[in-house]
Amino acid sequence: MTGKLSENLAYFARALRAAGLPVGPGALVEAVEALGGGALGGRDDVYWTLHAIFVKKHEDTPVYDQAFRLFWRRRNLIEKIMAQMSPVSPGAERPPEKAEAGALRVAEAFAPPPREDEPPVELTELTARLTVSDREMLKSRDFAQMSAAEIARAKQLIAELRLPDDSVPMRRFRPVAQGRSIDLRRTLRQSLRGGGGSIDLAFRERREMHPPVVALVDISGSMAEYSRIFLHFLHTLTERRRRVHSFVFGTRLTNVTRMLKARDPDEALALAGKAAPDWEGGTRISAALHAFNRVWSRRVLAGGAIVLLFTDGLERELDDSLAFEMDRLHRSCRQLVWLNPLLRYEAFAARASGIRAMLPHVDSFRPIHNLAAMADLCAALSRDAGRQGDPRQWLKRAG
């Protein structure tokens, strides 16, 4: 290969590895051999050739896309930096753009490492952010705007979350040393053993058990960055609870309960990604709910299950069946909680047809875009927590 293309590929591979992608020397050799043949026609051929070599998991595609655009369009990057440094007249400021998934991780990967001979920079300006701990700042940061290090830290905090105390009493009893209810049968048996001379009271109380938790997670392209973090939460929940069932859906429904039982969370998510071929594809909420209600509802919703529906509600093929399937799901469970990352926007309104069709059939409508929202979800599912406001109020706000 002539020129500096091989050196650029090596630099590009190092940047991807710094951004969190598992890129090794073998993949770099394959990339050099693939581009060295000279049979590629244009930019799209280079993009997908390197994508096939460097990207091993579906959830790494947004990071690769950001890195490819930054690396092969350096002039546009320089123009953006110059535009940010130029003075802007009052009144001509542009509204802040939405942060793209993986943008911060890629920016950190392309940033040059600090030189050892340079003295550390001393900060002379104090701001209010310095008074807030890093832990609290991380709780309020959006999942899509986190760097690779912050995502790793967020996974640790998810494992430390206090899970909801949502145990419910059952019909069966268990023996206890002291209590308010006398176990007459056990009391008589104990008295007969001693000849009936004395009667020692035996007590009992109702058994308590956590209700089943069933999660339906949207893994379409618009939900990929948030669904991956939420699957880490489900992995933690699966380790501590017995009856947790997890399903993912894009254009089809896939049961990933067995995959999330793997001890290592990264391995569990990798197995779930392999089991779901429609990862980061389209969205067919109605078809996925129909498949769940028909095949899995009677198997996993017994015992007063709590259903966590994780989706933005942007249905691809909308018809009357969506409201019917939502109503059927709502009637089959004890509580239906809709988790929607779009609620992170203050100006959110239930104007989309899919959202308006789903809202009347849920018990709770909550955001799920950062660690603080995840902690609020655990608190809301607890036994002593009161019910939130009626989700149908969102329909009245939208007019």
Protein backbone atom coordinates (compact mmCIF):
# COMPACT_ATOMS: atom_id res chain seq x y z
CA MET A 1 0.00 0.00 0.00
CA THR A 2 1.41 3.36 -1.02
CA GLY A 3 1.09 6.69 0.78
CA LYS A 4 0.10 7.10 4.42
CA LEU A 5 -3.15 5.20 4.30
CA SER A 6 -1.78 2.40 6.46
CA GLU A 7 -0.63 4.90 9.09
CA ASN A 8 -4.03 6.60 9.02
CA LEU A 9 -5.76 3.25 9.46
CA ALA A 10 -3.54 2.51 12.46
CA TYR A 11 -4.42 5.87 13.99
CA PHE A 12 -8.11 5.28 13.26
CA ALA A 13 -7.97 1.84 14.91
CA ARG A 14 -6.29 3.30 18.02
CA ALA A 15 -9.02 5.96 18.23
CA LEU A 16 -11.75 3.33 18.03
CA ARG A 17 -10.05 1.30 20.76
CA ALA A 18 -9.83 4.41 22.97
CA ALA A 19 -13.54 5.02 22.37
CA GLY A 20 -14.38 1.57 23.73
CA LEU A 21 -14.47 -0.71 20.68
CA PRO A 22 -12.56 -4.03 20.95
CA VAL A 23 -10.17 -3.42 18.03
CA GLY A 24 -7.02 -5.56 17.98
CA PRO A 25 -3.98 -5.81 15.70
CA GLY A 26 -5.60 -8.61 13.70
CA ALA A 27 -8.49 -6.34 12.70
CA LEU A 28 -6.01 -3.65 11.65
CA VAL A 29 -4.18 -6.10 9.39
CA GLU A 30 -7.47 -7.13 7.80
CA ALA A 31 -8.36 -3.47 7.18
CA VAL A 32 -5.01 -2.77 5.52
CA GLU A 33 -5.40 -5.82 3.28
CA ALA A 34 -9.01 -4.94 2.41
CA LEU A 35 -8.21 -1.37 1.38
CA GLY A 36 -4.91 -2.27 -0.23
CA GLY A 37 -6.53 -4.14 -3.12
CA GLY A 38 -7.81 -0.93 -4.68
CA ALA A 39 -11.16 -2.44 -5.68
CA LEU A 40 -13.25 -0.06 -3.58
CA GLY A 41 -15.29 2.48 -5.49
CA GLY A 42 -16.02 5.32 -3.12
CA ARG A 43 -16.55 6.57 0.42
CA ASP A 44 -19.51 4.28 1.16
CA ASP A 45 -17.45 1.22 0.21
CA VAL A 46 -14.70 2.27 2.62
CA TYR A 47 -17.25 2.97 5.37
CA TRP A 48 -18.92 -0.43 5.20
CA THR A 49 -15.69 -2.34 4.64
CA LEU A 50 -14.17 -0.93 7.82
CA HIS A 51 -17.52 -1.35 9.58
CA ALA A 52 -17.52 -5.07 8.81
CA ILE A 53 -13.98 -5.39 10.21
CA PHE A 54 -14.00 -3.14 13.28
CA VAL A 55 -17.62 -3.35 14.54
CA LYS A 56 -18.37 -6.63 16.32
CA LYS A 57 -21.54 -5.65 18.22
CA HIS A 58 -24.65 -3.77 17.12
CA GLU A 59 -24.41 -1.23 19.92
CA ASP A 60 -20.94 -0.09 18.71
CA THR A 61 -22.28 1.23 15.40
CA PRO A 62 -23.09 4.79 16.64
CA VAL A 63 -19.57 5.17 18.06
CA TYR A 64 -18.01 3.90 14.84
CA ASP A 65 -20.17 6.25 12.77
CA GLN A 66 -19.12 9.26 14.84
CA ALA A 67 -15.44 8.30 14.66
CA PHE A 68 -15.55 7.73 10.89
CA ARG A 69 -17.14 11.09 10.23
CA LEU A 70 -14.66 12.94 12.44
CA PHE A 71 -11.65 11.14 11.06
CA TRP A 72 -12.40 11.43 7.35
CA ARG A 73 -13.84 14.96 7.47
CA ARG A 74 -11.18 16.87 9.28
CA ARG A 75 -11.92 20.11 7.41
CA ASN A 76 -15.50 20.22 8.65
CA LEU A 77 -14.26 19.59 12.17
CA ILE A 78 -11.83 22.49 11.98
CA GLU A 79 -14.55 24.79 10.65
CA LYS A 80 -16.81 23.85 13.57
CA ILE A 81 -14.05 24.59 16.07
CA MET A 82 -13.34 27.97 14.44
CA ALA A 83 -17.04 28.79 14.46
CA GLN A 84 -17.26 28.03 18.17
CA MET A 85 -14.25 30.25 18.93
CA SER A 86 -15.53 33.19 16.85
CA PRO A 87 -17.52 35.90 18.64
CA VAL A 88 -21.28 35.73 18.22
CA SER A 89 -23.40 38.84 18.26
CA PRO A 90 -26.23 39.01 20.80
CA GLY A 91 -29.50 37.67 19.47
CA ALA A 92 -27.77 35.57 16.80
CA GLU A 93 -27.10 32.58 19.01
CA ARG A 94 -28.31 29.25 17.72
CA PRO A 95 -30.31 26.88 19.87
CA PRO A 96 -28.24 24.05 21.35
CA GLU A 97 -28.12 20.99 19.13
CA LYS A 98 -29.09 17.59 20.39
CA ALA A 99 -26.06 15.56 21.44
CA GLU A 100 -25.57 12.54 19.23
CA ALA A 101 -25.00 9.10 20.71
CA GLY A 102 -21.32 8.38 21.41
CA ALA A 103 -20.14 11.89 20.45
CA LEU A 104 -18.31 12.55 23.72
CA ARG A 105 -16.57 9.16 23.70
CA VAL A 106 -15.30 9.73 20.16
CA ALA A 107 -14.17 13.28 20.93
CA GLU A 108 -12.12 12.03 23.87
CA ALA A 109 -10.60 9.28 21.71
CA PHE A 110 -9.38 11.78 19.10
CA ALA A 111 -8.09 14.27 21.69
CA PRO A 112 -4.25 14.24 21.92
CA PRO A 113 -2.83 12.81 25.16
CA PRO A 114 -1.34 15.34 27.58
CA ARG A 115 2.43 15.77 27.42
CA GLU A 116 4.44 14.78 30.46
CA ASP A 117 6.82 17.76 30.21
CA GLU A 118 4.00 20.31 30.30
CA PRO A 119 3.15 21.77 33.74
CA PRO A 120 -0.39 21.17 34.98
CA VAL A 121 -2.85 23.94 34.21
CA GLU A 122 -4.10 25.78 37.26
CA LEU A 123 -7.73 26.83 37.29
CA THR A 124 -8.31 30.30 38.67
CA GLU A 125 -12.04 30.56 38.02
CA LEU A 126 -14.41 28.93 40.48
CA THR A 127 -17.86 27.82 39.40
CA ALA A 128 -20.85 26.35 41.16
CA ARG A 129 -20.26 22.97 39.50
CA LEU A 130 -17.19 22.44 41.68
CA THR A 131 -19.39 22.28 44.76
CA VAL A 132 -21.28 19.24 43.44
CA SER A 133 -19.75 15.80 43.75
CA ASP A 134 -18.90 13.81 40.65
CA ARG A 135 -21.37 11.18 41.74
CA GLU A 136 -24.27 13.62 41.74
CA MET A 137 -23.20 15.10 38.40
CA LEU A 138 -23.07 11.64 36.87
CA LYS A 139 -26.58 10.84 38.10
CA SER A 140 -28.01 13.78 36.17
CA ARG A 141 -26.04 13.24 32.94
CA ASP A 142 -27.90 11.86 29.95
CA PHE A 143 -26.86 8.34 28.95
CA ALA A 144 -26.35 9.40 25.31
CA GLN A 145 -23.90 12.15 26.36
CA MET A 146 -21.67 10.02 28.61
CA SER A 147 -18.05 9.26 27.82
CA ALA A 148 -16.59 5.75 27.91
CA ALA A 149 -15.29 6.26 31.47
CA GLU A 150 -18.63 7.67 32.63
CA ILE A 151 -20.51 4.72 31.14
CA ALA A 152 -18.23 2.32 33.02
CA ARG A 153 -18.85 4.27 36.24
CA ALA A 154 -22.59 4.32 35.55
CA LYS A 155 -22.59 0.53 35.28
CA GLN A 156 -21.02 0.34 38.75
CA LEU A 157 -23.65 2.70 40.18
CA ILE A 158 -26.43 0.64 38.59
CA ALA A 159 -25.09 -2.43 40.41
CA GLU A 160 -25.28 -0.42 43.67
CA LEU A 161 -28.87 0.72 43.19
CA ARG A 162 -31.28 -0.07 45.99
CA LEU A 163 -33.87 -2.26 44.35
CA PRO A 164 -37.54 -1.71 45.15
CA ASP A 165 -39.05 -3.41 48.19
CA ASP A 166 -42.18 -4.53 46.37
CA SER A 167 -42.85 -7.80 48.18
CA VAL A 168 -46.53 -8.78 48.46
CA PRO A 169 -48.20 -11.15 50.99
CA MET A 170 -49.20 -14.61 49.79
CA ARG A 171 -51.92 -17.02 50.88
CA ARG A 172 -49.46 -19.48 52.44
CA PHE A 173 -48.00 -19.03 55.94
CA ARG A 174 -44.60 -19.66 57.49
CA PRO A 175 -43.71 -20.37 61.15
CA VAL A 176 -42.19 -17.58 63.26
CA ALA A 177 -40.99 -17.35 66.84
CA GLN A 178 -43.26 -14.42 67.75
CA GLY A 179 -46.24 -13.01 65.94
CA ARG A 180 -49.87 -11.94 66.07
CA SER A 181 -51.42 -15.02 64.45
CA ILE A 182 -51.49 -18.34 66.36
CA ASP A 183 -50.74 -21.51 64.42
CA LEU A 184 -53.35 -23.81 66.01
CA ARG A 185 -52.24 -27.02 64.26
CA ARG A 186 -48.59 -26.65 65.23
CA THR A 187 -49.58 -25.62 68.77
CA LEU A 188 -51.60 -28.83 69.26
CA ARG A 189 -48.81 -31.00 67.85
CA GLN A 190 -46.27 -29.52 70.24
CA SER A 191 -48.57 -30.00 73.23
CA LEU A 192 -49.15 -33.69 72.36
CA ARG A 193 -45.42 -34.31 72.24
CA GLY A 194 -45.14 -33.24 75.89
CA GLY A 195 -48.12 -35.28 77.00
CA GLY A 196 -50.57 -32.38 77.06
CA GLY A 197 -49.35 -31.05 80.38
CA SER A 198 -48.43 -27.65 78.98
CA ILE A 199 -49.38 -25.70 75.90
CA ASP A 200 -46.75 -23.61 74.16
CA LEU A 201 -48.23 -21.31 71.58
CA ALA A 202 -46.84 -21.43 68.05
CA PHE A 203 -47.15 -18.44 65.72
CA ARG A 204 -47.25 -17.94 62.00
CA GLU A 205 -47.27 -15.13 59.46
CA ARG A 206 -47.99 -14.83 55.78
CA ARG A 207 -45.18 -15.48 53.34
CA GLU A 208 -44.02 -12.56 51.22
CA MET A 209 -42.59 -12.79 47.73
CA HIS A 210 -41.47 -10.30 45.14
CA PRO A 211 -43.86 -10.23 42.18
CA PRO A 212 -42.46 -11.13 38.76
CA VAL A 213 -40.90 -8.34 36.73
CA VAL A 214 -41.34 -8.49 32.97
CA ALA A 215 -39.42 -6.02 30.80
CA LEU A 216 -40.20 -5.27 27.15
CA VAL A 217 -37.25 -3.26 25.78
CA ASP A 218 -37.25 -1.38 22.49
CA ILE A 219 -33.87 -1.85 20.71
CA SER A 220 -34.60 0.17 17.58
CA GLY A 221 -32.14 2.72 16.24
CA SER A 222 -33.59 5.65 18.20
CA MET A 223 -33.44 3.72 21.50
CA ALA A 224 -30.10 1.88 21.19
CA GLU A 225 -28.03 4.10 23.52
CA TYR A 226 -30.66 3.98 26.27
CA SER A 227 -31.72 0.34 25.90
CA ARG A 228 -28.13 -0.88 26.36
CA ILE A 229 -27.85 0.87 29.76
CA PHE A 230 -31.33 -0.32 30.75
CA LEU A 231 -30.31 -3.91 29.97
CA HIS A 232 -27.49 -3.47 32.49
CA PHE A 233 -30.16 -2.54 35.03
CA LEU A 234 -32.13 -5.67 34.11
CA HIS A 235 -28.97 -7.77 34.47
CA THR A 236 -28.52 -6.46 38.02
CA LEU A 237 -32.18 -7.13 38.75
CA THR A 238 -31.88 -10.67 37.36
CA GLU A 239 -28.95 -11.41 39.70
CA ARG A 240 -30.93 -10.42 42.80
CA ARG A 241 -34.41 -11.62 41.90
CA ARG A 242 -35.67 -15.03 40.83
CA ARG A 243 -38.59 -14.16 38.59
CA VAL A 244 -37.33 -11.57 36.08
CA HIS A 245 -38.17 -12.00 32.40
CA SER A 246 -36.59 -9.78 29.75
CA PHE A 247 -37.67 -9.35 26.13
CA VAL A 248 -36.28 -7.08 23.41
CA PHE A 249 -38.04 -6.01 20.26
CA GLY A 250 -37.44 -3.99 17.13
CA THR A 251 -39.22 -5.56 14.21
CA ARG A 252 -39.68 -8.83 16.12
CA LEU A 253 -39.84 -10.06 19.72
CA THR A 254 -36.87 -11.91 21.26
CA ASN A 255 -36.65 -13.51 24.70
CA VAL A 256 -33.24 -12.68 26.24
CA THR A 257 -33.96 -13.85 29.81
CA ARG A 258 -31.48 -16.70 29.63
CA MET A 259 -28.77 -14.48 28.10
CA LEU A 260 -29.01 -11.92 30.91
CA LYS A 261 -28.37 -14.65 33.51
CA ALA A 262 -24.69 -14.72 32.54
CA ARG A 263 -22.55 -13.56 35.45
CA ASP A 264 -20.52 -10.99 33.48
CA PRO A 265 -22.74 -8.07 32.33
CA ASP A 266 -20.76 -7.39 29.15
CA GLU A 267 -20.98 -11.04 28.18
CA ALA A 268 -24.71 -11.02 28.91
CA LEU A 269 -25.29 -8.02 26.63
CA ALA A 270 -23.14 -9.56 23.90
CA LEU A 271 -25.23 -12.74 24.01
CA ALA A 272 -28.41 -10.67 23.90
CA GLY A 273 -27.11 -8.78 20.87
CA LYS A 274 -26.42 -12.02 19.02
CA ALA A 275 -29.87 -13.36 19.83
CA ALA A 276 -31.63 -10.23 18.48
CA PRO A 277 -30.87 -9.78 14.74
CA ASP A 278 -33.07 -6.66 14.52
CA TRP A 279 -30.91 -4.57 16.87
CA GLU A 280 -30.94 -0.87 15.85
CA GLY A 281 -33.49 -1.57 13.13
CA GLY A 282 -37.05 -0.38 12.74
CA THR A 283 -39.85 -0.39 15.30
CA ARG A 284 -43.03 -2.48 15.22
CA ILE A 285 -44.50 -2.08 18.70
CA SER A 286 -47.91 -3.49 17.85
CA ALA A 287 -46.50 -6.68 16.30
CA ALA A 288 -44.16 -7.20 19.27
CA LEU A 289 -46.97 -6.76 21.80
CA HIS A 290 -49.18 -9.13 19.81
CA ALA A 291 -46.45 -11.80 19.86
CA PHE A 292 -45.96 -11.35 23.60
CA ASN A 293 -49.67 -11.47 24.44
CA ARG A 294 -50.18 -14.56 22.32
CA VAL A 295 -47.09 -16.63 23.21
CA TRP A 296 -45.63 -15.41 26.52
CA SER A 297 -48.37 -13.66 28.47
CA ARG A 298 -49.75 -16.70 30.31
CA ARG A 299 -46.25 -18.04 31.01
CA VAL A 300 -44.63 -15.01 32.66
CA LEU A 301 -47.45 -12.74 33.89
CA ALA A 302 -48.80 -15.10 36.56
CA GLY A 303 -48.58 -13.95 40.17
CA GLY A 304 -49.38 -10.25 39.68
CA ALA A 305 -46.42 -9.31 37.49
CA ILE A 306 -45.11 -5.78 36.97
CA VAL A 307 -44.47 -4.95 33.31
CA LEU A 308 -41.81 -2.38 32.36
CA LEU A 309 -42.40 -1.18 28.80
CA PHE A 310 -39.25 0.60 27.58
CA THR A 311 -39.95 2.44 24.31
CA ASP A 312 -40.38 5.91 22.84
CA GLY A 313 -43.79 5.01 21.39
CA LEU A 314 -42.88 6.00 17.82
CA GLU A 315 -44.72 3.21 16.01
CA ARG A 316 -43.69 2.46 12.44
CA GLU A 317 -46.98 0.92 11.29
CA LEU A 318 -49.85 2.46 13.24
CA ASP A 319 -53.35 0.99 13.22
CA ASP A 320 -56.10 0.13 15.70
CA SER A 321 -54.28 -3.01 16.86
CA LEU A 322 -51.79 -1.03 18.98
CA ALA A 323 -54.46 0.20 21.41
CA PHE A 324 -56.01 -3.28 21.50
CA GLU A 325 -52.71 -5.00 22.36
CA MET A 326 -51.87 -2.37 25.00
CA ASP A 327 -55.28 -2.86 26.63
CA ARG A 328 -54.81 -6.63 26.61
CA LEU A 329 -51.37 -6.31 28.21
CA HIS A 330 -52.69 -3.89 30.82
CA ARG A 331 -55.46 -6.27 31.86
CA SER A 332 -53.01 -9.19 32.20
CA CYS A 333 -50.59 -7.59 34.72
CA ARG A 334 -50.81 -5.93 38.11
CA GLN A 335 -49.04 -2.74 37.03
CA LEU A 336 -47.90 -1.47 33.61
CA VAL A 337 -45.10 1.13 33.73
CA TRP A 338 -44.12 2.92 30.53
CA LEU A 339 -40.51 4.17 30.51
CA ASN A 340 -39.91 6.75 27.80
CA PRO A 341 -36.56 8.56 27.27
CA LEU A 342 -38.36 11.33 25.38
CA LEU A 343 -39.64 12.67 28.71
CA ARG A 344 -36.19 14.14 29.29
CA TYR A 345 -37.31 17.09 27.14
CA GLU A 346 -39.25 19.75 29.01
CA ALA A 347 -41.25 20.59 25.87
CA PHE A 348 -42.42 16.99 25.36
CA ALA A 349 -46.07 16.64 24.39
CA ALA A 350 -48.08 13.54 23.56
CA ARG A 351 -48.81 14.49 19.96
CA ALA A 352 -47.57 11.36 18.16
CA SER A 353 -50.38 8.97 17.22
CA GLY A 354 -48.61 5.96 18.73
CA ILE A 355 -48.08 7.69 22.07
CA ARG A 356 -51.71 8.85 22.20
CA ALA A 357 -52.89 5.31 21.51
CA MET A 358 -50.74 3.79 24.28
CA LEU A 359 -51.12 6.30 27.12
CA PRO A 360 -54.69 5.42 28.20
CA HIS A 361 -53.60 1.86 28.99
CA VAL A 362 -50.63 2.43 31.34
CA ASP A 363 -50.50 2.96 35.11
CA SER A 364 -47.36 5.09 35.19
CA PHE A 365 -45.49 7.18 32.61
CA ARG A 366 -41.88 7.90 33.62
CA PRO A 367 -38.58 9.15 32.11
CA ILE A 368 -35.57 6.83 31.95
CA HIS A 369 -32.59 8.78 30.60
CA ASN A 370 -30.13 8.96 33.50
CA LEU A 371 -29.21 7.33 36.80
CA ALA A 372 -31.44 9.64 38.81
CA ALA A 373 -34.47 8.53 36.78
CA MET A 374 -33.45 4.90 37.36
CA ALA A 375 -33.30 5.47 41.12
CA ASP A 376 -36.72 7.18 41.01
CA LEU A 377 -38.09 4.12 39.19
CA CYS A 378 -36.87 1.84 41.99
CA ALA A 379 -38.46 4.10 44.59
CA ALA A 380 -41.75 4.26 42.65
CA LEU A 381 -42.00 0.47 42.45
CA SER A 382 -41.58 0.03 46.21
CA ARG A 383 -44.45 -1.29 48.26
CA ASP A 384 -44.96 1.88 50.31
CA ALA A 385 -44.74 4.27 47.35
CA GLY A 386 -47.93 5.96 46.29
CA ARG A 387 -49.21 5.92 42.77
CA GLN A 388 -48.16 8.78 40.53
CA GLY A 389 -50.57 11.03 38.67
CA ASP A 390 -52.77 9.67 35.94
CA PRO A 391 -50.74 9.31 32.70
CA ARG A 392 -53.82 10.40 30.79
CA GLN A 393 -53.04 13.94 31.92
CA TRP A 394 -50.43 14.03 29.15
CA LEU A 395 -53.26 13.70 26.64
CA LYS A 396 -54.99 16.74 28.10
CA ARG A 397 -51.77 18.81 27.94
CA ALA A 398 -51.34 17.99 24.26
CA GLY A 399 -54.82 19.24 23.59
